[in-house]
């Protein structure tokens, strides 16, 4: 079950007592994402050589903070929300990862997301560790002023563990450039000066980077292009289905369409569309931006969610939330290539089925790294106060992702493993090599 998609509910399952070696503060009866991450790390251990003695450092966060976030509502009442910030590992540099506002956020979920950032940043060669944060709130139930108060209060509560050389947050689910602007301002008030590099994904006027908005989606396209080329194929006239048509899905769709691919199916929270000859991506993007839905756009025919997963396609791009490709879906999809635009969209059971069926999966820690790569570019620009043209940003993004795809592909061939396992072997080795070189403070 997706830890994001599930609805709020009263838990009826008993809280399981942690076993030997497990973390005492984690509810393992509700920690699917964290357990999935741990299982993936275990798969890398035969390939770590002498570095295996450090592997336990990947199985626990360096720092996990839970904070109370009280705010005054517009009617004068006081509400309290639970906030989290996790530093998973900082062996390679400061923690880096997004902030999400969601009513079903949990500490174990944030731990998993932070751990994935550790691996992702290492895979693409960024000088960062992994971090992630969340507030357990439904932002749709807040007014704009309440959202601002919540953001500022949360920032103050975690201000002592973030900073441009310690932990750099960014947008994630239900947060955006405006939220980052509020965070930057609140942090500046604690320091008595502007510190633009404390967050990335900011408005351009406040030190944001050109090219950041579409970077994750463009990165999905670049990863697909590079892996299909190594498979001896191309993207021209390939039939593509995209699940999720937010910033990531829509940007990926535009890049694929410009490369000559056909976006034949799209799904979002309201429904799904299909067109054998290819949907009008620009029309669809404009309609989604104006209405919030893909339905009624005037392009394609409405289909059911079940029909979306059964569509005759070459490439599937899950770009929504965790846990969307389940075992049942993995048994029936027609795609021969899955490119993970979302974090953790494929369950471990589904991943095994896809491998057995010969479906190539480009893992999230590679495929959706475009966003954090351009966040890194923004951070570099903020440190130097010298800002790049968009063409330069996109060129550097392409170079860095191409190099990462090449490194993962070589690990895949060297070890005879899936691309996901290859990426984790590469990422884990880089993190543990840094840990070994730094040693321990005795």
Foldseek 3Di string as FASTA:
>chain_A
DFLFPDDDDDDDDDQDQDDPPDDRPDRVVRQQLLVQVVVLLVLLLVVQPPLNVVSVLLNAFPDKDKDWQWDQAPVGDIDIWIKIKTHRAFLQFAAEEAEAEEQSDDSSVQNSQQSLQQLLCLLLVHSGGGMYMYINHDCVPGDPVRLLSRLLRVLVRCLVQFALGHYEYEHDHPDAQVSVVSSQVSSCVVVVHGRLNRYERHPVVSLHAPPLQQQLQVLLQLLVQLVCVVVVHGLAQFEEEEEACDSNRLSVLVNSVVRHYADAKYHYPVFMFGDSRHWPSVLQNVCCVVPVDSPPSPTGDTDGPVVSLQDQGAEYEYQDGAQQCELVSLVHHNYQEYRYSYAHNYRPNSVVSSVVVNRAYQHNSQNRSRNVLSRSVSSVCSVVVHGDDNVVSVVVSSVSSSVSSVQLVVQCVVVVDGSSSSSSSSSVNSSSVSDVVVDDDD
